[in-house]
Amino acid sequence: MGSRRRFLSRLSFLSGEKNRRSPFAFPVSVRRTKLLLSILIFVGSLRHLLGLREALAVIAPLVYCLGFSTFFLAKFIAFLREKERDDERSPLQADCKREVLIHRETLRRITGRGLVDLPHHGFDYSSSSEWLCEPTVGYVQLPVGVPGPLLLDGIQYYVPMATTEGCLVASVSRGCKAIALSGGATSVLLCDGMTLMPVVRLPSVGRAAELKTFLENPNNLETLAELFNSASRFAKLQEIKCAMAGRSLYMRFRCGTGDAMGMDIVSEGVQIVLDYLLNNFNDMEVISTSSKFLSENKPAAMNWKEGCGKSVVCEAIIKEEVVKEVFKTNIPALVELNKIKSLAGSAVAGSLGGFNAHAGNITSAIFIATGQDLAANVESSQCITMMEAVNDGKELHVSVTLPSIAVGTVGGDTELASQSACLDLLGVVGESLESPGANSGQLATIIAGAVLAGELSLLSALAAGHLVNSHMKHNRSLRRGTKNGQL
C-alpha cells in the first residue's frame, strides 16, 4: 500500500468510513462538527477554564474555524477516496490515463515542448483512445453557445454551436428571433441515403457494359439488396447507379443507415455485394471500394445534384415589420443583396454548391458540438439560399436547400459525453427505437433551420451596413484589449 493510500486509510473516519486502524466513523457535516467541538470545549472549560471567560472568547472563533476546516478536509478526503475507487473499478480508464501521460512525456523528450497548456485531466480516455484517436495526448477546449429558441416545425430548439467566431451565436439567435416572431420555419426531408462508390475494371468495354446492365436491372435489385442488407439490421439498399470510363465501371450505392451517419455500414454492405459479383463476373478486378466518384469530403456536382446523406429544404416567411424592427433593413434590399452576392457572386466565382452567405459557419459549429464528422462539413454545407418578396412585397420568403447533410446520432464522436449532452439538448441523442433514422433526420432539419436563421441575420447585417462595425466591436476590442475596437 502506497504512502498516499495509507494516509487516506487512516483519515477515512472523517468521511464516515471504518477501517482497521480507526474504528470510529461518523458522517461529517458543518452542524455536527460544530456541535461536537462545542461539547468538548464546554466539558473542558468546566474542568480547567472555569471562570476564565476571556480565554473562552479567544477559543470560540478557533472552534468555528476548526469546525469548518474539518468539514472541508473530510470532503476532500472523500473525493480522493472516490477517485481511487473509480480507478480501481475501471482499470481500463487508469491504463488509458497512464498511456496519455507516457505519450506526453515522449513528446516532451523528443521536441523539448511539454504541452503544458494542452489539458489532459477530466476526460474519459477509455471511450476514445482505442477507437477515436491514437495515440491520445490530451484534448482541446472550445466554447459552446446555444442560440435560440429556433421555432421549427412547431417545436422550439436551442441549438448547441461550438465556435470561437465572435458574433456568430448572437447572429443566429437574431435570425431565430425573427423566425419565431413570424410564426416559425418549416422543413422537408426530401431523401435519406448514404452513398458509396466502388470502382472495378473489366477486360473490355463490352463486359463493363454487361455488368452495368446487370446492376441497374430492377429485377436484380432484390437479390443485391438482400445481400447488402445482411451487413446491418439498419442497412437498406435503395438503388445502384453506374457510370463508365473506358472499361472501368463506377458503381454508386445508396442505402438507408438508420440513425448512424452510415459510412461503415455502407462499406461493409458494398464489400458483400462485390464478393458476390466476383463469383458471377470472375474477370472483374476490384480497383477500390471507394472511388473519387464518391467525392466524400469534397464539393462535387454529383452530390449537389443527386444528394448524399440527408437532403433538406427549410423555409420561412418573414413579416415586413420584423425585417425592419429586428434586422434594421427592408425586404427589397435583402432580396437584391442575396441575388447579387449569394447567387451571381458565387456563379462568377465558379462556386459549386456555395450559393449562400455562410452556411459552412453554422454547419461546422453544430458538427463540432454534436460529434459529427467534421470533414463531411464540406458537402454538408453545400447550400443555396433563395429570397423573394411575396404578398405584394409585404413579406419575405426565404429558403435554404442543403442536399448533402451527412450526420448521425449514434456512433463515432456522438458517444462522447459532451457531444451526447448536446444531442440530448436537441432531443435526438442515440437511436430512435420507434422509427430508425428519425433522430438523424431530425438533426439534419435542425441544422437546416439554424442555417436559415444564420443566412437571414448575416445578409441583413450586410444590407444594413452593420457587419464590419459589430465585428470590430465584439472581436478586436475583446481579443486585443483596444478601445472601441480600434487598432
Protein backbone atom coordinates (compact mmCIF):
# COMPACT_ATOMS: atom_id res chain seq x y z
CA MET A 1 0.00 0.00 0.00
CA GLY A 2 1.42 3.37 -1.04
CA SER A 3 2.01 6.24 1.34
CA ARG A 4 -0.92 8.22 -0.04
CA ARG A 5 -3.25 5.25 0.35
CA ARG A 6 -2.08 4.65 3.94
CA PHE A 7 -2.67 8.30 4.77
CA LEU A 8 -6.17 8.25 3.31
CA SER A 9 -6.96 4.99 5.05
CA ARG A 10 -6.03 6.40 8.47
CA LEU A 11 -8.12 9.54 7.95
CA SER A 12 -11.07 7.83 6.29
CA PHE A 13 -13.12 8.02 9.53
CA LEU A 14 -13.55 11.74 8.80
CA SER A 15 -15.68 10.88 5.77
CA GLY A 16 -17.72 8.26 7.58
CA GLU A 17 -15.69 5.13 6.75
CA LYS A 18 -14.42 2.49 9.16
CA ASN A 19 -11.01 0.85 8.89
CA ARG A 20 -8.78 -1.34 10.98
CA ARG A 21 -6.65 1.48 12.39
CA SER A 22 -9.54 3.91 13.05
CA PRO A 23 -12.67 2.18 14.39
CA PHE A 24 -14.60 5.47 14.68
CA ALA A 25 -16.82 6.63 11.90
CA PHE A 26 -19.33 9.42 11.72
CA PRO A 27 -20.79 11.42 8.85
CA VAL A 28 -19.20 14.84 8.99
CA SER A 29 -21.29 17.96 8.44
CA VAL A 30 -20.83 21.56 9.47
CA ARG A 31 -23.63 21.33 12.05
CA ARG A 32 -22.44 18.11 13.64
CA THR A 33 -18.79 19.19 13.66
CA LYS A 34 -19.58 22.44 15.43
CA LEU A 35 -21.84 20.64 17.90
CA LEU A 36 -19.21 18.01 18.74
CA LEU A 37 -16.42 20.52 19.20
CA SER A 38 -18.66 22.81 21.25
CA ILE A 39 -19.45 19.97 23.66
CA LEU A 40 -15.77 19.10 24.02
CA ILE A 41 -14.84 22.69 24.72
CA PHE A 42 -17.69 23.08 27.19
CA VAL A 43 -16.63 20.00 29.14
CA GLY A 44 -13.02 21.08 29.12
CA SER A 45 -13.91 24.56 30.26
CA LEU A 46 -15.82 23.20 33.27
CA ARG A 47 -12.76 21.25 34.37
CA HIS A 48 -9.92 23.59 33.56
CA LEU A 49 -11.18 27.02 32.49
CA LEU A 50 -13.96 27.71 34.96
CA GLY A 51 -14.21 31.45 35.32
CA LEU A 52 -11.77 32.26 32.52
CA ARG A 53 -14.24 33.99 30.25
CA GLU A 54 -11.50 35.82 28.37
CA ALA A 55 -9.98 32.52 27.32
CA LEU A 56 -13.32 31.26 26.05
CA ALA A 57 -13.72 34.40 23.93
CA VAL A 58 -10.47 33.54 22.20
CA ILE A 59 -11.20 29.85 21.86
CA ALA A 60 -14.68 30.24 20.37
CA PRO A 61 -13.54 31.65 16.97
CA LEU A 62 -10.86 28.99 16.79
CA VAL A 63 -13.52 26.33 17.36
CA TYR A 64 -15.58 27.60 14.44
CA CYS A 65 -12.52 27.76 12.19
CA LEU A 66 -11.53 24.27 13.21
CA GLY A 67 -15.04 23.02 12.55
CA PHE A 68 -15.17 24.40 9.04
CA SER A 69 -11.64 23.18 8.30
CA THR A 70 -12.56 19.67 9.46
CA PHE A 71 -15.63 19.70 7.24
CA PHE A 72 -13.75 20.70 4.09
CA LEU A 73 -10.90 18.31 4.89
CA ALA A 74 -13.41 15.50 5.18
CA LYS A 75 -14.97 16.38 1.84
CA PHE A 76 -11.55 16.50 0.18
CA ILE A 77 -10.57 13.12 1.61
CA ALA A 78 -13.88 11.63 0.46
CA PHE A 79 -13.21 12.97 -3.04
CA LEU A 80 -9.75 11.40 -3.14
CA ARG A 81 -11.11 8.10 -1.87
CA GLU A 82 -13.86 8.10 -4.52
CA LYS A 83 -11.31 8.91 -7.21
CA GLU A 84 -9.19 6.00 -6.03
CA ARG A 85 -12.21 3.69 -6.15
CA ASP A 86 -13.01 4.82 -9.69
CA ASP A 87 -9.50 3.90 -10.78
CA GLU A 88 -9.85 0.51 -9.09
CA ARG A 89 -13.29 -0.09 -10.67
CA SER A 90 -12.10 0.95 -14.11
CA PRO A 91 -8.61 -0.41 -14.75
CA LEU A 92 -9.03 0.42 -18.44
CA GLN A 93 -9.52 4.09 -17.61
CA ALA A 94 -6.43 4.06 -15.37
CA ASP A 95 -4.39 2.35 -18.10
CA CYS A 96 -5.57 4.89 -20.69
CA LYS A 97 -4.57 7.78 -18.43
CA ARG A 98 -1.12 6.30 -17.98
CA GLU A 99 -0.88 5.84 -21.75
CA VAL A 100 -1.70 9.53 -22.27
CA LEU A 101 0.96 10.57 -19.77
CA ILE A 102 3.53 8.34 -21.46
CA HIS A 103 2.77 9.84 -24.88
CA ARG A 104 3.01 13.38 -23.47
CA GLU A 105 6.33 12.65 -21.83
CA THR A 106 7.63 11.06 -25.02
CA LEU A 107 6.71 14.17 -27.00
CA ARG A 108 8.34 16.38 -24.38
CA ARG A 109 11.61 14.48 -24.61
CA ILE A 110 11.59 14.43 -28.41
CA THR A 111 10.50 18.01 -29.07
CA GLY A 112 11.52 19.77 -25.88
CA ARG A 113 7.98 21.14 -25.56
CA GLY A 114 5.79 19.85 -22.77
CA LEU A 115 2.22 20.61 -23.96
CA VAL A 116 1.69 22.43 -20.68
CA ASP A 117 -1.37 24.30 -21.92
CA LEU A 118 -2.97 21.25 -23.54
CA PRO A 119 -5.29 19.76 -20.88
CA HIS A 120 -5.47 16.05 -20.28
CA HIS A 121 -7.27 15.69 -16.93
CA GLY A 122 -11.02 15.18 -16.65
CA PHE A 123 -11.54 13.21 -19.86
CA ASP A 124 -12.75 9.62 -20.20
CA TYR A 125 -9.98 8.24 -22.37
CA SER A 126 -11.29 4.68 -22.11
CA SER A 127 -14.08 5.70 -24.51
CA SER A 128 -11.83 7.24 -27.12
CA SER A 129 -8.18 6.25 -27.01
CA GLU A 130 -8.60 2.94 -28.84
CA TRP A 131 -11.24 3.78 -31.45
CA LEU A 132 -11.38 7.54 -31.93
CA CYS A 133 -7.84 8.86 -31.61
CA GLU A 134 -4.49 7.17 -31.27
CA PRO A 135 -2.17 7.98 -29.65
CA THR A 136 -4.03 10.44 -27.43
CA VAL A 137 -2.10 13.21 -25.67
CA GLY A 138 -4.96 15.42 -24.44
CA TYR A 139 -7.96 17.31 -25.73
CA VAL A 140 -8.74 20.81 -26.97
CA GLN A 141 -11.37 23.10 -25.50
CA LEU A 142 -13.97 25.07 -27.42
CA PRO A 143 -16.75 27.26 -26.03
CA VAL A 144 -20.30 26.14 -26.78
CA GLY A 145 -23.05 28.69 -27.32
CA VAL A 146 -26.75 28.00 -27.61
CA PRO A 147 -28.72 30.27 -29.94
CA GLY A 148 -32.48 30.06 -29.90
CA PRO A 149 -35.18 29.28 -29.48
CA LEU A 150 -35.43 28.13 -33.08
CA LEU A 151 -39.10 27.58 -33.86
CA LEU A 152 -39.04 24.81 -36.46
CA ASP A 153 -41.99 22.64 -37.46
CA GLY A 154 -43.85 23.78 -34.36
CA ILE A 155 -41.07 22.78 -31.95
CA GLN A 156 -38.63 25.08 -30.15
CA TYR A 157 -34.96 24.08 -30.24
CA TYR A 158 -31.91 25.51 -28.53
CA VAL A 159 -29.10 24.66 -30.91
CA PRO A 160 -25.59 23.98 -29.49
CA MET A 161 -22.76 25.53 -31.52
CA ALA A 162 -19.05 25.10 -30.71
CA THR A 163 -17.21 28.09 -32.14
CA THR A 164 -14.68 30.81 -31.41
CA GLU A 165 -16.04 33.22 -34.01
CA GLY A 166 -17.38 36.31 -32.28
CA CYS A 167 -20.95 37.35 -33.09
CA LEU A 168 -21.82 34.03 -34.77
CA VAL A 169 -24.03 32.64 -31.99
CA ALA A 170 -25.60 36.05 -31.41
CA SER A 171 -26.26 36.41 -35.12
CA VAL A 172 -28.00 33.03 -35.36
CA SER A 173 -30.03 33.95 -32.27
CA ARG A 174 -31.19 37.12 -34.02
CA GLY A 175 -32.29 35.06 -37.01
CA CYS A 176 -34.13 32.66 -34.70
CA LYS A 177 -35.92 35.61 -33.11
CA ALA A 178 -37.13 36.90 -36.47
CA ILE A 179 -38.31 33.43 -37.50
CA ALA A 180 -40.23 32.96 -34.23
CA LEU A 181 -41.88 36.39 -34.48
CA SER A 182 -43.05 35.47 -37.98
CA GLY A 183 -44.64 32.16 -36.98
CA GLY A 184 -41.71 29.78 -37.32
CA ALA A 185 -40.00 27.84 -40.09
CA THR A 186 -40.93 24.58 -41.77
CA SER A 187 -38.69 21.87 -43.18
CA VAL A 188 -38.92 18.92 -45.55
CA LEU A 189 -36.61 15.91 -45.57
CA LEU A 190 -36.50 15.04 -49.26
CA CYS A 191 -34.39 11.89 -49.10
CA ASP A 192 -32.18 9.99 -46.71
CA GLY A 193 -29.48 7.69 -48.05
CA MET A 194 -25.73 7.46 -47.60
CA THR A 195 -23.69 6.63 -50.69
CA LEU A 196 -20.50 4.77 -51.56
CA MET A 197 -18.95 4.31 -54.98
CA PRO A 198 -16.55 1.43 -55.62
CA VAL A 199 -14.72 1.15 -58.94
CA VAL A 200 -13.99 -2.09 -60.80
CA ARG A 201 -12.26 -2.87 -64.07
CA LEU A 202 -13.20 -5.49 -66.64
CA PRO A 203 -11.30 -6.87 -69.66
CA SER A 204 -13.33 -4.89 -72.18
CA VAL A 205 -15.85 -2.11 -72.56
CA GLY A 206 -18.43 -4.72 -73.55
CA ARG A 207 -18.00 -6.65 -70.31
CA ALA A 208 -18.17 -3.43 -68.30
CA ALA A 209 -21.45 -2.58 -70.06
CA GLU A 210 -22.81 -6.05 -69.25
CA LEU A 211 -22.09 -5.55 -65.55
CA LYS A 212 -23.66 -2.09 -65.67
CA THR A 213 -26.82 -3.52 -67.19
CA PHE A 214 -26.93 -6.28 -64.57
CA LEU A 215 -26.57 -3.85 -61.65
CA GLU A 216 -29.16 -1.37 -62.92
CA ASN A 217 -31.73 -4.03 -63.82
CA PRO A 218 -34.66 -3.64 -61.34
CA ASN A 219 -35.16 -7.41 -61.37
CA ASN A 220 -31.74 -7.91 -59.77
CA LEU A 221 -32.12 -5.24 -57.07
CA GLU A 222 -33.99 -7.54 -54.68
CA THR A 223 -31.19 -10.12 -54.72
CA LEU A 224 -28.47 -7.50 -54.33
CA ALA A 225 -30.44 -5.76 -51.56
CA GLU A 226 -30.76 -9.00 -49.62
CA LEU A 227 -27.00 -9.43 -49.72
CA PHE A 228 -26.30 -5.79 -48.94
CA ASN A 229 -28.77 -5.58 -46.05
CA SER A 230 -27.12 -8.52 -44.29
CA ALA A 231 -24.34 -6.10 -43.26
CA SER A 232 -26.54 -4.49 -40.58
CA ARG A 233 -30.10 -4.54 -39.30
CA PHE A 234 -30.25 -0.86 -40.29
CA ALA A 235 -28.83 -1.29 -43.82
CA LYS A 236 -31.47 -0.79 -46.52
CA LEU A 237 -30.17 -0.71 -50.09
CA GLN A 238 -32.19 1.80 -52.11
CA GLU A 239 -30.58 1.93 -55.55
CA ILE A 240 -27.44 1.33 -57.61
CA LYS A 241 -26.39 3.67 -60.41
CA CYS A 242 -23.34 3.21 -62.59
CA ALA A 243 -21.04 5.28 -64.79
CA MET A 244 -18.37 4.07 -67.21
CA ALA A 245 -14.97 5.45 -68.11
CA GLY A 246 -13.49 3.10 -70.70
CA ARG A 247 -13.51 -0.39 -69.24
CA SER A 248 -13.71 0.93 -65.68
CA LEU A 249 -17.13 0.85 -64.03
CA TYR A 250 -18.07 3.19 -61.16
CA MET A 251 -20.98 1.99 -59.02
CA ARG A 252 -22.98 4.35 -56.79
CA PHE A 253 -24.69 2.52 -53.93
CA ARG A 254 -27.28 4.45 -51.92
CA CYS A 255 -28.77 2.99 -48.76
CA GLY A 256 -30.55 3.87 -45.55
CA THR A 257 -28.41 3.53 -42.42
CA GLY A 258 -30.78 4.22 -39.53
CA ASP A 259 -29.56 6.89 -37.13
CA ALA A 260 -25.89 6.33 -37.93
CA MET A 261 -24.07 8.53 -40.42
CA GLY A 262 -23.52 5.16 -42.03
CA MET A 263 -20.25 5.10 -43.90
CA ASP A 264 -19.10 1.93 -42.12
CA ILE A 265 -22.45 0.22 -42.75
CA VAL A 266 -22.35 1.08 -46.46
CA SER A 267 -18.73 -0.04 -46.77
CA GLU A 268 -19.48 -3.47 -45.30
CA GLY A 269 -22.55 -3.91 -47.49
CA VAL A 270 -20.64 -2.92 -50.63
CA GLN A 271 -17.91 -5.43 -49.82
CA ILE A 272 -20.51 -8.23 -49.56
CA VAL A 273 -22.00 -7.30 -52.93
CA LEU A 274 -18.56 -7.12 -54.57
CA ASP A 275 -17.73 -10.61 -53.29
CA TYR A 276 -20.98 -11.85 -54.82
CA LEU A 277 -20.24 -10.15 -58.16
CA LEU A 278 -16.79 -11.73 -58.30
CA ASN A 279 -18.45 -15.14 -58.38
CA ASN A 280 -20.60 -14.15 -61.38
CA PHE A 281 -18.10 -11.89 -63.15
CA ASN A 282 -14.86 -13.69 -62.37
CA ASP A 283 -12.96 -11.49 -64.82
CA MET A 284 -13.83 -8.42 -62.78
CA GLU A 285 -11.00 -6.68 -60.93
CA VAL A 286 -11.83 -4.61 -57.86
CA ILE A 287 -9.70 -1.46 -58.02
CA SER A 288 -11.05 0.24 -54.89
CA THR A 289 -14.10 0.03 -52.66
CA SER A 290 -14.19 3.84 -52.65
CA SER A 291 -13.53 5.96 -55.72
CA LYS A 292 -13.41 9.66 -56.48
CA PHE A 293 -16.85 9.16 -57.98
CA LEU A 294 -17.95 9.24 -54.33
CA SER A 295 -16.44 12.70 -53.76
CA GLU A 296 -16.64 12.22 -49.99
CA ASN A 297 -15.48 15.32 -48.09
CA LYS A 298 -15.19 17.24 -51.37
CA PRO A 299 -17.57 19.54 -53.23
CA ALA A 300 -18.94 17.67 -56.25
CA ALA A 301 -21.70 18.15 -58.79
CA MET A 302 -22.77 14.55 -58.15
CA ASN A 303 -23.65 15.25 -54.52
CA TRP A 304 -25.09 18.67 -55.39
CA LYS A 305 -27.41 17.13 -57.97
CA GLU A 306 -28.18 13.65 -56.61
CA GLY A 307 -27.80 14.32 -52.90
CA CYS A 308 -25.85 12.37 -50.30
CA GLY A 309 -26.96 11.62 -46.76
CA LYS A 310 -29.93 13.83 -45.87
CA SER A 311 -31.40 16.27 -48.40
CA VAL A 312 -33.31 19.04 -46.61
CA VAL A 313 -35.23 22.17 -47.64
CA CYS A 314 -36.20 24.70 -44.98
CA GLU A 315 -38.31 27.84 -45.45
CA ALA A 316 -39.86 30.73 -43.56
CA ILE A 317 -41.95 33.79 -44.38
CA ILE A 318 -40.69 36.86 -42.50
CA LYS A 319 -43.05 39.75 -41.93
CA GLU A 320 -42.11 43.20 -43.16
CA GLU A 321 -42.28 44.77 -39.69
CA VAL A 322 -39.98 42.04 -38.34
CA VAL A 323 -37.42 42.76 -41.05
CA LYS A 324 -37.44 46.42 -40.07
CA GLU A 325 -37.51 46.00 -36.29
CA VAL A 326 -35.17 43.04 -35.86
CA PHE A 327 -32.84 43.36 -38.85
CA LYS A 328 -32.94 47.18 -39.31
CA THR A 329 -33.26 46.84 -43.09
CA ASN A 330 -36.00 46.26 -45.68
CA ILE A 331 -37.22 43.45 -47.92
CA PRO A 332 -36.12 44.87 -51.32
CA ALA A 333 -32.59 45.42 -50.03
CA LEU A 334 -32.36 41.84 -48.77
CA VAL A 335 -33.67 40.32 -51.99
CA GLU A 336 -31.29 42.41 -54.12
CA LEU A 337 -28.28 41.64 -51.91
CA ASN A 338 -28.92 37.91 -51.93
CA LYS A 339 -29.26 37.89 -55.72
CA ILE A 340 -26.04 39.83 -56.33
CA LYS A 341 -23.93 38.34 -53.51
CA SER A 342 -25.07 34.77 -52.93
CA LEU A 343 -26.27 33.84 -56.43
CA ALA A 344 -24.47 35.96 -59.04
CA GLY A 345 -21.32 36.37 -56.94
CA SER A 346 -20.98 32.63 -56.37
CA ALA A 347 -21.59 31.96 -60.07
CA VAL A 348 -18.84 34.41 -61.06
CA ALA A 349 -16.50 32.62 -58.66
CA GLY A 350 -17.38 29.25 -60.19
CA SER A 351 -18.64 28.02 -56.83
CA LEU A 352 -20.07 24.51 -56.55
CA GLY A 353 -22.87 24.40 -54.02
CA GLY A 354 -21.75 27.66 -52.46
CA PHE A 355 -24.72 29.86 -53.31
CA ASN A 356 -25.15 31.10 -49.77
CA ALA A 357 -23.80 33.69 -47.34
CA HIS A 358 -22.09 31.50 -44.73
CA ALA A 359 -23.82 28.13 -44.31
CA GLY A 360 -20.48 26.48 -43.50
CA ASN A 361 -20.11 28.58 -40.35
CA ILE A 362 -23.29 27.18 -38.86
CA THR A 363 -22.91 23.57 -40.02
CA SER A 364 -19.31 23.29 -38.78
CA ALA A 365 -20.17 24.75 -35.34
CA ILE A 366 -23.06 22.32 -34.90
CA PHE A 367 -20.97 19.44 -36.25
CA ILE A 368 -18.30 20.02 -33.60
CA ALA A 369 -20.82 20.37 -30.78
CA THR A 370 -22.79 17.23 -31.70
CA GLY A 371 -19.89 14.94 -32.61
CA GLN A 372 -20.26 14.76 -36.38
CA ASP A 373 -17.52 14.01 -38.93
CA LEU A 374 -16.08 17.49 -39.39
CA ALA A 375 -14.58 16.66 -42.80
CA ALA A 376 -18.11 15.89 -44.03
CA ASN A 377 -18.90 19.56 -43.47
CA VAL A 378 -17.54 20.16 -46.99
CA GLU A 379 -20.50 18.51 -48.71
CA SER A 380 -22.91 19.10 -45.82
CA SER A 381 -22.56 22.88 -46.10
CA GLN A 382 -23.39 22.92 -49.81
CA CYS A 383 -26.41 25.19 -49.84
CA ILE A 384 -28.44 27.56 -51.99
CA THR A 385 -30.25 30.44 -50.27
CA MET A 386 -33.28 31.91 -52.01
CA MET A 387 -35.09 35.15 -51.10
CA GLU A 388 -38.06 36.79 -52.75
CA ALA A 389 -40.74 39.31 -51.85
CA VAL A 390 -44.26 37.86 -51.59
CA ASN A 391 -47.75 39.15 -50.79
CA ASP A 392 -47.27 42.43 -52.64
CA GLY A 393 -43.85 42.95 -51.09
CA LYS A 394 -45.13 42.88 -47.52
CA GLU A 395 -43.44 39.60 -46.62
CA LEU A 396 -40.08 37.95 -47.34
CA HIS A 397 -39.99 34.31 -48.40
CA VAL A 398 -36.59 32.80 -47.59
CA SER A 399 -35.43 29.22 -48.05
CA VAL A 400 -32.27 27.13 -47.83
CA THR A 401 -31.68 23.87 -49.68
CA LEU A 402 -28.96 21.54 -48.40
CA PRO A 403 -28.83 18.34 -50.50
CA SER A 404 -25.96 16.51 -48.78
CA ILE A 405 -26.09 16.68 -44.97
CA ALA A 406 -24.06 13.75 -43.61
CA VAL A 407 -24.98 13.38 -39.92
CA GLY A 408 -25.77 10.71 -37.37
CA THR A 409 -26.84 10.43 -33.75
CA VAL A 410 -25.10 7.14 -32.93
CA GLY A 411 -21.50 6.01 -33.35
CA GLY A 412 -18.25 7.92 -33.55
CA ASP A 413 -17.91 11.16 -31.57
CA THR A 414 -21.62 11.17 -30.73
CA GLU A 415 -20.81 8.62 -27.99
CA LEU A 416 -18.60 11.11 -26.11
CA ALA A 417 -20.19 12.68 -23.04
CA SER A 418 -20.07 16.33 -24.13
CA GLN A 419 -21.32 15.67 -27.65
CA SER A 420 -24.00 13.32 -26.35
CA ALA A 421 -25.19 16.06 -23.98
CA CYS A 422 -25.55 18.47 -26.92
CA LEU A 423 -27.57 15.90 -28.86
CA ASP A 424 -29.71 15.34 -25.78
CA LEU A 425 -30.38 19.09 -25.64
CA LEU A 426 -31.90 18.77 -29.10
CA GLY A 427 -33.82 15.64 -28.13
CA VAL A 428 -32.09 13.44 -30.72
CA VAL A 429 -29.49 11.55 -28.72
CA GLY A 430 -28.94 7.90 -29.68
CA GLU A 431 -31.10 5.84 -32.00
CA SER A 432 -34.83 6.18 -32.39
CA LEU A 433 -36.47 2.99 -31.16
CA GLU A 434 -39.82 3.79 -32.74
CA SER A 435 -38.55 4.83 -36.18
CA PRO A 436 -34.89 4.10 -37.02
CA GLY A 437 -33.39 7.12 -38.75
CA ALA A 438 -35.84 9.62 -37.24
CA ASN A 439 -33.28 11.17 -34.87
CA SER A 440 -30.61 11.73 -37.50
CA GLY A 441 -33.21 13.08 -39.91
CA GLN A 442 -34.47 15.48 -37.27
CA LEU A 443 -30.91 16.62 -36.58
CA ALA A 444 -30.47 17.39 -40.29
CA THR A 445 -33.61 19.51 -40.34
CA ILE A 446 -32.47 21.39 -37.22
CA ILE A 447 -29.15 22.14 -38.92
CA ALA A 448 -31.03 23.46 -41.95
CA GLY A 449 -33.19 25.62 -39.68
CA ALA A 450 -30.12 27.08 -37.97
CA VAL A 451 -28.56 27.77 -41.38
CA LEU A 452 -31.76 29.59 -42.38
CA ALA A 453 -31.50 31.78 -39.27
CA GLY A 454 -27.82 32.48 -39.88
CA GLU A 455 -28.37 33.40 -43.52
CA LEU A 456 -31.13 35.83 -42.63
CA SER A 457 -29.08 37.57 -39.97
CA LEU A 458 -25.80 37.89 -41.89
CA LEU A 459 -27.41 39.14 -45.10
CA SER A 460 -29.39 41.65 -43.04
CA ALA A 461 -26.24 42.87 -41.33
CA LEU A 462 -24.62 43.36 -44.74
CA ALA A 463 -27.68 45.12 -46.14
CA ALA A 464 -27.82 47.46 -43.14
CA GLY A 465 -24.06 48.05 -43.10
CA HIS A 466 -23.67 46.69 -39.55
CA LEU A 467 -21.41 43.69 -40.13
CA VAL A 468 -17.98 45.33 -40.01
CA ASN A 469 -18.83 47.52 -37.03
CA SER A 470 -20.15 44.60 -34.98
CA HIS A 471 -17.06 42.52 -35.66
CA MET A 472 -14.72 45.38 -34.83
CA LYS A 473 -16.60 45.97 -31.59
CA HIS A 474 -17.01 42.40 -30.36
CA ASN A 475 -13.92 40.70 -31.82
CA ARG A 476 -10.95 43.03 -31.89
CA SER A 477 -11.76 45.04 -28.78
CA LEU A 478 -12.15 41.90 -26.67
CA ARG A 479 -9.20 39.98 -28.07
CA ARG A 480 -6.66 42.78 -28.18
CA GLY A 481 -7.90 44.93 -25.35
CA THR A 482 -8.20 48.00 -27.58
CA LYS A 483 -10.61 50.86 -27.10
CA ASN A 484 -13.75 50.89 -29.29
CA GLY A 485 -12.25 48.15 -31.46
CA GLN A 486 -9.57 50.41 -32.91
CA LEU A 487 -6.09 49.14 -33.64
